[in-house]
Amino acid sequence: MGGLFGIGFATHPGSGHDLVMVVSHDGHGLFDTVTGEMVARNHHPDEEDAVPDGVADLSCPGLGPVAGSRVRIAELFGGGLHTTTEDGWTLEVVAPAWPHERVLLSRDGGLPHAGPHEEQWWHIYHAHHSELRTAGFSPSGETIAVATSSDLALWARRAEQGSH
């Protein structure tokens, strides 16, 4: 998907699955992060809603099952996603060989990492072909998203039961 500006999360009112909204040159798309299914698409959003820069909370109108609400977008010009989860996961963006950014996932509290690589922390993404737009967790903590100017990578999990 070329020309990606940013992404945001919503929750499907029926299934409870995380949904990711993608804002790009080609319009807006809404995807189920568990199934990968495209839930809704708008190829031609109204000009004032095409990108979220025109509103203070950096949001765009929801699509499909989240129509009538607004979805906050972490994107090229601002905003951000969650970098921690309630059950102790942390996501960090580092640039040891700038401008090639890397995304790290950890359970050891983040930098500096206390535990061994691939036991307490993992290098999960290397943005070397496209510009990183955003990386983070959904509000539920069940999805990790890494968005670049050309790609969207998603990892889904179920939060550990009984953790708060």
N, C-alpha and C. Protein backbone atom coordinates (compact mmCIF):
# COMPACT_ATOMS: atom_id res chain seq x y z
N MET A 1 0.86 -1.17 0.00
CA MET A 1 0.00 0.00 0.00
C MET A 1 0.89 1.22 0.00
N GLY A 2 1.02 1.85 -1.11
CA GLY A 2 1.88 3.01 -1.22
C GLY A 2 1.23 4.27 -0.70
N GLY A 3 2.04 5.20 -0.23
CA GLY A 3 1.53 6.48 0.20
C GLY A 3 0.80 6.44 1.51
N LEU A 4 1.18 5.56 2.43
CA LEU A 4 0.52 5.47 3.72
C LEU A 4 0.88 6.68 4.57
N PHE A 5 -0.16 7.37 5.07
CA PHE A 5 0.04 8.52 5.97
C PHE A 5 0.10 8.07 7.42
N GLY A 6 -0.86 7.21 7.82
CA GLY A 6 -0.91 6.79 9.21
C GLY A 6 -2.00 5.77 9.45
N ILE A 7 -2.09 5.35 10.73
CA ILE A 7 -3.06 4.34 11.12
C ILE A 7 -3.66 4.69 12.48
N GLY A 8 -4.78 4.08 12.79
CA GLY A 8 -5.40 4.23 14.10
C GLY A 8 -6.19 2.98 14.42
N PHE A 9 -6.57 2.83 15.68
CA PHE A 9 -7.29 1.63 16.13
C PHE A 9 -8.70 1.96 16.57
N ALA A 10 -9.57 0.99 16.37
CA ALA A 10 -10.94 1.01 16.87
C ALA A 10 -11.27 -0.42 17.28
N THR A 11 -12.43 -0.60 17.91
CA THR A 11 -12.87 -1.94 18.32
C THR A 11 -14.15 -2.28 17.58
N HIS A 12 -14.19 -3.47 17.00
CA HIS A 12 -15.39 -3.92 16.31
C HIS A 12 -16.50 -4.12 17.34
N PRO A 13 -17.64 -3.43 17.17
CA PRO A 13 -18.70 -3.52 18.18
C PRO A 13 -19.33 -4.91 18.30
N GLY A 14 -19.22 -5.73 17.27
CA GLY A 14 -19.80 -7.07 17.32
C GLY A 14 -18.85 -8.12 17.85
N SER A 15 -17.67 -8.23 17.24
CA SER A 15 -16.72 -9.28 17.61
C SER A 15 -15.78 -8.90 18.75
N GLY A 16 -15.61 -7.58 18.97
CA GLY A 16 -14.66 -7.13 19.97
C GLY A 16 -13.22 -7.13 19.47
N HIS A 17 -13.01 -7.55 18.21
CA HIS A 17 -11.67 -7.57 17.63
C HIS A 17 -11.13 -6.15 17.46
N ASP A 18 -9.81 -6.03 17.55
CA ASP A 18 -9.17 -4.78 17.18
C ASP A 18 -9.35 -4.56 15.68
N LEU A 19 -9.64 -3.33 15.32
CA LEU A 19 -9.69 -2.91 13.92
C LEU A 19 -8.59 -1.89 13.73
N VAL A 20 -7.96 -1.90 12.57
CA VAL A 20 -6.97 -0.88 12.25
C VAL A 20 -7.47 -0.10 11.04
N MET A 21 -7.46 1.22 11.18
CA MET A 21 -7.86 2.10 10.08
C MET A 21 -6.59 2.63 9.45
N VAL A 22 -6.50 2.48 8.13
CA VAL A 22 -5.34 2.92 7.36
C VAL A 22 -5.74 4.15 6.55
N VAL A 23 -4.93 5.20 6.65
CA VAL A 23 -5.15 6.43 5.89
C VAL A 23 -3.98 6.55 4.91
N SER A 24 -4.31 6.58 3.61
CA SER A 24 -3.27 6.62 2.58
C SER A 24 -3.71 7.50 1.41
N HIS A 25 -2.83 7.62 0.43
CA HIS A 25 -3.17 8.35 -0.81
C HIS A 25 -4.40 7.75 -1.48
N ASP A 26 -4.64 6.46 -1.25
CA ASP A 26 -5.75 5.75 -1.89
C ASP A 26 -7.04 5.78 -1.08
N GLY A 27 -7.09 6.60 -0.03
CA GLY A 27 -8.30 6.71 0.77
C GLY A 27 -8.13 6.07 2.13
N HIS A 28 -9.24 5.58 2.69
CA HIS A 28 -9.26 4.99 4.03
C HIS A 28 -9.70 3.54 3.92
N GLY A 29 -9.08 2.69 4.73
CA GLY A 29 -9.47 1.29 4.80
C GLY A 29 -9.55 0.86 6.25
N LEU A 30 -10.45 -0.06 6.56
CA LEU A 30 -10.62 -0.58 7.91
C LEU A 30 -10.45 -2.09 7.84
N PHE A 31 -9.53 -2.63 8.67
CA PHE A 31 -9.20 -4.04 8.63
C PHE A 31 -9.35 -4.68 10.00
N ASP A 32 -9.81 -5.92 10.02
CA ASP A 32 -9.86 -6.73 11.25
C ASP A 32 -8.45 -7.25 11.48
N THR A 33 -7.85 -6.96 12.63
CA THR A 33 -6.46 -7.35 12.87
C THR A 33 -6.31 -8.84 13.17
N VAL A 34 -7.40 -9.52 13.52
CA VAL A 34 -7.33 -10.96 13.80
C VAL A 34 -7.45 -11.76 12.52
N THR A 35 -8.41 -11.42 11.67
CA THR A 35 -8.66 -12.19 10.45
C THR A 35 -7.93 -11.62 9.23
N GLY A 36 -7.53 -10.35 9.28
CA GLY A 36 -6.92 -9.70 8.12
C GLY A 36 -7.94 -9.20 7.11
N GLU A 37 -9.21 -9.46 7.36
CA GLU A 37 -10.28 -9.08 6.44
C GLU A 37 -10.44 -7.56 6.35
N MET A 38 -10.64 -7.07 5.10
CA MET A 38 -10.99 -5.66 4.93
C MET A 38 -12.46 -5.53 5.31
N VAL A 39 -12.74 -4.72 6.30
CA VAL A 39 -14.09 -4.56 6.83
C VAL A 39 -14.85 -3.46 6.09
N ALA A 40 -14.14 -2.39 5.73
CA ALA A 40 -14.77 -1.27 5.03
C ALA A 40 -13.70 -0.50 4.27
N ARG A 41 -14.15 0.23 3.23
CA ARG A 41 -13.22 0.99 2.40
C ARG A 41 -13.90 2.26 1.93
N ASN A 42 -13.15 3.35 1.89
CA ASN A 42 -13.62 4.60 1.30
C ASN A 42 -12.50 5.13 0.43
N HIS A 43 -12.64 4.95 -0.88
CA HIS A 43 -11.61 5.39 -1.81
C HIS A 43 -11.55 6.92 -1.95
N HIS A 44 -12.67 7.58 -1.65
CA HIS A 44 -12.75 9.02 -1.87
C HIS A 44 -13.36 9.74 -0.67
N PRO A 45 -12.62 9.82 0.45
CA PRO A 45 -13.16 10.55 1.60
C PRO A 45 -13.29 12.03 1.26
N ASP A 46 -14.21 12.71 1.97
CA ASP A 46 -14.34 14.15 1.78
C ASP A 46 -12.98 14.81 1.98
N GLU A 47 -12.71 15.86 1.24
CA GLU A 47 -11.40 16.52 1.28
C GLU A 47 -10.98 16.90 2.69
N GLU A 48 -11.92 17.41 3.50
CA GLU A 48 -11.56 17.84 4.86
C GLU A 48 -11.28 16.66 5.78
N ASP A 49 -11.69 15.44 5.38
CA ASP A 49 -11.46 14.25 6.20
C ASP A 49 -10.43 13.30 5.60
N ALA A 50 -9.82 13.65 4.47
CA ALA A 50 -8.89 12.76 3.79
C ALA A 50 -7.67 12.44 4.66
N VAL A 51 -7.14 13.45 5.35
CA VAL A 51 -6.05 13.27 6.31
C VAL A 51 -6.47 13.96 7.60
N PRO A 52 -5.95 13.50 8.75
CA PRO A 52 -6.45 14.01 10.02
C PRO A 52 -5.85 15.35 10.47
N ASP A 53 -5.04 15.97 9.66
CA ASP A 53 -4.34 17.19 10.07
C ASP A 53 -5.25 18.37 10.34
N GLY A 54 -6.47 18.35 9.82
CA GLY A 54 -7.36 19.49 9.95
C GLY A 54 -8.11 19.57 11.26
N VAL A 55 -7.99 18.54 12.11
CA VAL A 55 -8.70 18.55 13.39
C VAL A 55 -7.71 18.39 14.53
N ALA A 56 -8.04 18.99 15.66
CA ALA A 56 -7.10 19.04 16.80
C ALA A 56 -6.72 17.66 17.33
N ASP A 57 -7.64 16.68 17.28
CA ASP A 57 -7.32 15.37 17.84
C ASP A 57 -6.78 14.37 16.81
N LEU A 58 -6.41 14.87 15.61
CA LEU A 58 -5.84 14.03 14.55
C LEU A 58 -6.69 12.79 14.28
N SER A 59 -7.97 13.00 14.03
CA SER A 59 -8.88 11.88 13.81
C SER A 59 -9.53 11.97 12.43
N CYS A 60 -10.03 10.82 11.99
CA CYS A 60 -10.80 10.72 10.75
C CYS A 60 -12.12 10.02 11.07
N PRO A 61 -13.15 10.23 10.24
CA PRO A 61 -14.42 9.56 10.46
C PRO A 61 -14.28 8.05 10.35
N GLY A 62 -14.93 7.32 11.25
CA GLY A 62 -14.91 5.86 11.20
C GLY A 62 -15.65 5.34 9.98
N LEU A 63 -15.37 4.09 9.63
CA LEU A 63 -16.00 3.42 8.49
C LEU A 63 -16.74 2.18 8.96
N GLY A 64 -17.66 1.70 8.13
CA GLY A 64 -18.31 0.42 8.39
C GLY A 64 -18.89 0.33 9.78
N PRO A 65 -18.47 -0.67 10.57
CA PRO A 65 -19.06 -0.88 11.89
C PRO A 65 -18.73 0.22 12.90
N VAL A 66 -17.77 1.08 12.61
CA VAL A 66 -17.45 2.18 13.52
C VAL A 66 -17.82 3.54 12.91
N ALA A 67 -18.68 3.51 11.88
CA ALA A 67 -19.18 4.76 11.29
C ALA A 67 -19.94 5.52 12.36
N GLY A 68 -19.86 6.83 12.33
CA GLY A 68 -20.51 7.66 13.33
C GLY A 68 -19.58 8.00 14.48
N SER A 69 -18.41 7.38 14.51
CA SER A 69 -17.40 7.72 15.51
C SER A 69 -16.18 8.27 14.77
N ARG A 70 -15.20 8.72 15.51
CA ARG A 70 -13.96 9.19 14.91
C ARG A 70 -12.82 8.31 15.41
N VAL A 71 -11.85 8.07 14.55
CA VAL A 71 -10.71 7.23 14.87
C VAL A 71 -9.46 8.11 14.88
N ARG A 72 -8.77 8.15 16.01
CA ARG A 72 -7.52 8.92 16.10
C ARG A 72 -6.45 8.22 15.29
N ILE A 73 -5.70 9.01 14.54
CA ILE A 73 -4.69 8.48 13.63
C ILE A 73 -3.30 8.93 14.06
N ALA A 74 -2.39 7.97 14.21
CA ALA A 74 -0.97 8.27 14.43
C ALA A 74 -0.36 8.29 13.05
N GLU A 75 0.26 9.42 12.71
CA GLU A 75 0.61 9.57 11.30
C GLU A 75 1.84 10.43 11.08
N LEU A 76 2.09 10.70 9.83
CA LEU A 76 3.24 11.46 9.38
C LEU A 76 3.42 12.79 10.11
N PHE A 77 2.33 13.46 10.46
CA PHE A 77 2.43 14.80 11.05
C PHE A 77 2.16 14.85 12.54
N GLY A 78 1.97 13.71 13.19
CA GLY A 78 1.78 13.72 14.63
C GLY A 78 0.97 12.55 15.13
N GLY A 79 0.70 12.57 16.43
CA GLY A 79 -0.04 11.51 17.06
C GLY A 79 0.87 10.33 17.38
N GLY A 80 0.34 9.40 18.12
CA GLY A 80 1.12 8.23 18.50
C GLY A 80 0.24 7.10 18.97
N LEU A 81 0.82 5.92 19.02
CA LEU A 81 0.13 4.73 19.51
C LEU A 81 0.66 4.39 20.90
N HIS A 82 -0.01 3.50 21.58
CA HIS A 82 0.43 3.05 22.89
C HIS A 82 1.79 2.34 22.75
N THR A 83 2.69 2.57 23.70
CA THR A 83 3.99 1.91 23.67
C THR A 83 4.15 0.87 24.77
N THR A 84 3.13 0.71 25.61
CA THR A 84 3.15 -0.32 26.65
C THR A 84 1.78 -0.97 26.74
N THR A 85 1.75 -2.15 27.37
CA THR A 85 0.49 -2.83 27.64
C THR A 85 0.33 -2.99 29.15
N GLU A 86 -0.90 -3.25 29.56
CA GLU A 86 -1.17 -3.43 30.99
C GLU A 86 -0.45 -4.64 31.57
N ASP A 87 -0.13 -5.64 30.72
CA ASP A 87 0.53 -6.85 31.23
C ASP A 87 2.05 -6.84 31.03
N GLY A 88 2.64 -5.65 30.82
CA GLY A 88 4.08 -5.52 30.90
C GLY A 88 4.90 -5.56 29.63
N TRP A 89 4.28 -5.53 28.47
CA TRP A 89 5.04 -5.48 27.22
C TRP A 89 5.37 -4.03 26.88
N THR A 90 6.53 -3.82 26.25
CA THR A 90 6.98 -2.49 25.85
C THR A 90 7.44 -2.54 24.40
N LEU A 91 7.13 -1.50 23.65
CA LEU A 91 7.57 -1.37 22.27
C LEU A 91 8.39 -0.10 22.15
N GLU A 92 9.56 -0.19 21.51
CA GLU A 92 10.45 0.96 21.35
C GLU A 92 10.92 1.05 19.91
N VAL A 93 11.11 2.28 19.46
CA VAL A 93 11.72 2.54 18.15
C VAL A 93 13.11 3.10 18.42
N VAL A 94 14.11 2.46 17.82
CA VAL A 94 15.49 2.91 17.96
C VAL A 94 16.10 3.08 16.57
N ALA A 95 17.13 3.89 16.48
CA ALA A 95 17.78 4.14 15.19
C ALA A 95 19.29 4.06 15.34
N PRO A 96 19.84 2.85 15.57
CA PRO A 96 21.29 2.73 15.72
C PRO A 96 22.05 3.04 14.44
N ALA A 97 21.39 2.92 13.29
CA ALA A 97 22.00 3.24 12.00
C ALA A 97 21.04 4.15 11.24
N TRP A 98 20.77 5.33 11.86
CA TRP A 98 19.82 6.26 11.30
C TRP A 98 20.13 6.51 9.83
N PRO A 99 19.14 6.58 8.95
CA PRO A 99 17.70 6.70 9.20
C PRO A 99 16.96 5.37 9.23
N HIS A 100 17.67 4.26 9.33
CA HIS A 100 17.04 2.94 9.33
C HIS A 100 16.61 2.57 10.75
N GLU A 101 15.33 2.77 11.02
CA GLU A 101 14.80 2.55 12.36
C GLU A 101 14.45 1.07 12.57
N ARG A 102 14.54 0.66 13.83
CA ARG A 102 14.20 -0.70 14.22
C ARG A 102 13.17 -0.65 15.34
N VAL A 103 12.34 -1.67 15.39
CA VAL A 103 11.32 -1.75 16.42
C VAL A 103 11.66 -2.93 17.32
N LEU A 104 11.70 -2.64 18.63
CA LEU A 104 12.03 -3.65 19.64
C LEU A 104 10.82 -3.90 20.52
N LEU A 105 10.58 -5.17 20.84
CA LEU A 105 9.52 -5.60 21.74
C LEU A 105 10.17 -6.22 22.96
N SER A 106 9.72 -5.84 24.15
CA SER A 106 10.35 -6.41 25.35
C SER A 106 9.36 -6.67 26.46
N ARG A 107 9.82 -7.53 27.39
CA ARG A 107 9.08 -7.80 28.63
C ARG A 107 9.93 -7.42 29.83
N ASP A 108 11.06 -6.76 29.59
CA ASP A 108 11.99 -6.46 30.68
C ASP A 108 12.04 -4.99 31.06
N GLY A 109 11.01 -4.24 30.67
CA GLY A 109 10.94 -2.83 31.05
C GLY A 109 11.55 -1.87 30.06
N GLY A 110 12.10 -2.36 28.97
CA GLY A 110 12.63 -1.47 27.94
C GLY A 110 14.10 -1.14 28.14
N LEU A 111 14.56 -0.18 27.36
CA LEU A 111 15.97 0.19 27.38
C LEU A 111 16.39 0.73 28.73
N PRO A 112 17.56 0.41 29.24
CA PRO A 112 18.44 -0.65 28.74
C PRO A 112 17.86 -2.02 29.09
N HIS A 113 17.97 -2.96 28.17
CA HIS A 113 17.37 -4.27 28.36
C HIS A 113 18.15 -5.09 29.38
N ALA A 114 17.43 -5.62 30.36
CA ALA A 114 18.05 -6.39 31.44
C ALA A 114 18.21 -7.86 31.07
N GLY A 115 17.31 -8.36 30.26
CA GLY A 115 17.33 -9.79 29.93
C GLY A 115 18.00 -10.07 28.60
N PRO A 116 18.23 -11.35 28.34
CA PRO A 116 18.88 -11.75 27.10
C PRO A 116 17.98 -11.53 25.87
N HIS A 117 18.62 -11.21 24.74
CA HIS A 117 17.93 -11.08 23.46
C HIS A 117 17.23 -12.40 23.14
N GLU A 118 16.04 -12.32 22.63
CA GLU A 118 15.16 -13.43 22.26
C GLU A 118 14.66 -14.23 23.46
N GLU A 119 14.88 -13.72 24.67
CA GLU A 119 14.25 -14.29 25.86
C GLU A 119 13.42 -13.22 26.56
N GLN A 120 13.93 -11.99 26.64
CA GLN A 120 13.23 -10.89 27.28
C GLN A 120 12.97 -9.73 26.33
N TRP A 121 13.67 -9.71 25.19
CA TRP A 121 13.42 -8.66 24.20
C TRP A 121 13.73 -9.20 22.81
N TRP A 122 13.03 -8.63 21.81
CA TRP A 122 13.12 -9.10 20.44
C TRP A 122 13.18 -7.91 19.48
N HIS A 123 13.99 -8.05 18.44
CA HIS A 123 14.01 -7.10 17.32
C HIS A 123 12.95 -7.61 16.35
N ILE A 124 11.83 -6.87 16.21
CA ILE A 124 10.71 -7.39 15.41
C ILE A 124 10.55 -6.73 14.04
N TYR A 125 11.20 -5.58 13.82
CA TYR A 125 11.02 -4.91 12.53
C TYR A 125 12.21 -4.00 12.25
N HIS A 126 12.63 -4.00 10.99
CA HIS A 126 13.72 -3.12 10.55
C HIS A 126 13.21 -2.33 9.35
N ALA A 127 13.00 -1.03 9.55
CA ALA A 127 12.49 -0.16 8.47
C ALA A 127 13.66 0.36 7.65
N HIS A 128 14.08 -0.42 6.66
CA HIS A 128 15.22 0.01 5.85
C HIS A 128 14.83 0.36 4.42
N HIS A 129 13.62 0.00 3.98
CA HIS A 129 13.19 0.33 2.62
C HIS A 129 12.21 1.49 2.56
N SER A 130 11.50 1.74 3.65
CA SER A 130 10.48 2.78 3.68
C SER A 130 10.58 3.57 4.97
N GLU A 131 10.03 4.76 4.96
CA GLU A 131 10.06 5.63 6.15
C GLU A 131 9.04 5.18 7.18
N LEU A 132 9.50 5.01 8.42
CA LEU A 132 8.61 4.61 9.51
C LEU A 132 7.61 5.72 9.79
N ARG A 133 6.32 5.36 9.88
CA ARG A 133 5.28 6.32 10.22
C ARG A 133 4.93 6.23 11.70
N THR A 134 4.71 5.01 12.19
CA THR A 134 4.37 4.81 13.60
C THR A 134 4.51 3.35 13.95
N ALA A 135 4.65 3.09 15.24
CA ALA A 135 4.68 1.72 15.77
C ALA A 135 4.06 1.75 17.16
N GLY A 136 3.28 0.74 17.47
CA GLY A 136 2.70 0.70 18.81
C GLY A 136 1.64 -0.37 18.95
N PHE A 137 1.05 -0.38 20.14
CA PHE A 137 0.00 -1.33 20.49
C PHE A 137 -1.37 -0.70 20.28
N SER A 138 -2.36 -1.56 20.06
CA SER A 138 -3.75 -1.13 20.11
C SER A 138 -4.09 -0.84 21.57
N PRO A 139 -5.16 -0.09 21.83
CA PRO A 139 -5.54 0.17 23.23
C PRO A 139 -5.76 -1.11 24.05
N SER A 140 -6.21 -2.19 23.42
CA SER A 140 -6.42 -3.45 24.15
C SER A 140 -5.11 -4.14 24.47
N GLY A 141 -4.05 -3.79 23.75
CA GLY A 141 -2.76 -4.46 23.91
C GLY A 141 -2.68 -5.76 23.15
N GLU A 142 -3.72 -6.11 22.40
CA GLU A 142 -3.75 -7.39 21.69
C GLU A 142 -3.17 -7.32 20.28
N THR A 143 -2.87 -6.12 19.78
CA THR A 143 -2.30 -5.98 18.45
C THR A 143 -1.11 -5.05 18.50
N ILE A 144 -0.05 -5.43 17.79
CA ILE A 144 1.10 -4.56 17.54
C ILE A 144 1.02 -4.17 16.08
N ALA A 145 1.23 -2.89 15.80
CA ALA A 145 1.25 -2.41 14.42
C ALA A 145 2.54 -1.64 14.18
N VAL A 146 3.12 -1.87 13.00
CA VAL A 146 4.25 -1.09 12.53
C VAL A 146 3.87 -0.61 11.14
N ALA A 147 3.78 0.72 10.97
CA ALA A 147 3.38 1.30 9.69
C ALA A 147 4.55 2.10 9.11
N THR A 148 4.84 1.86 7.84
CA THR A 148 5.82 2.66 7.11
C THR A 148 5.09 3.37 5.98
N SER A 149 5.82 4.11 5.20
CA SER A 149 5.20 4.82 4.07
C SER A 149 4.64 3.86 3.03
N SER A 150 5.02 2.59 3.07
CA SER A 150 4.55 1.64 2.06
C SER A 150 3.96 0.35 2.60
N ASP A 151 4.09 0.09 3.90
CA ASP A 151 3.68 -1.20 4.44
C ASP A 151 3.00 -1.06 5.80
N LEU A 152 2.23 -2.08 6.13
CA LEU A 152 1.66 -2.21 7.46
C LEU A 152 1.88 -3.64 7.92
N ALA A 153 2.59 -3.82 9.04
CA ALA A 153 2.80 -5.14 9.62
C ALA A 153 2.00 -5.20 10.92
N LEU A 154 1.29 -6.32 11.12
CA LEU A 154 0.46 -6.51 12.30
C LEU A 154 0.80 -7.84 12.97
N TRP A 155 0.81 -7.83 14.30
CA TRP A 155 0.93 -9.04 15.09
C TRP A 155 -0.23 -9.01 16.08
N ALA A 156 -0.98 -10.12 16.17
CA ALA A 156 -2.13 -10.17 17.07
C ALA A 156 -1.89 -11.26 18.12
N ARG A 157 -2.40 -11.02 19.32
CA ARG A 157 -2.29 -11.98 20.41
C ARG A 157 -3.51 -11.82 21.29
N ARG A 158 -3.69 -12.73 22.20
CA ARG A 158 -4.70 -12.59 23.23
C ARG A 158 -3.98 -12.19 24.50
N ALA A 159 -4.45 -11.14 25.16
CA ALA A 159 -3.84 -10.72 26.43
C ALA A 159 -3.96 -11.84 27.45
N GLU A 160 -2.95 -11.96 28.30
CA GLU A 160 -2.97 -12.99 29.33
C GLU A 160 -4.17 -12.80 30.25
N GLN A 161 -4.86 -13.88 30.55
CA GLN A 161 -6.03 -13.81 31.40
C GLN A 161 -5.65 -13.42 32.82
N GLY A 162 -6.45 -12.60 33.44
CA GLY A 162 -6.24 -12.20 34.82
C GLY A 162 -5.22 -11.11 35.01
N SER A 163 -4.62 -10.59 33.93
CA SER A 163 -3.65 -9.50 34.09
C SER A 163 -4.35 -8.17 33.98
N HIS A 164 -3.94 -7.23 34.81
CA HIS A 164 -4.54 -5.91 34.77
C HIS A 164 -3.48 -4.87 34.97
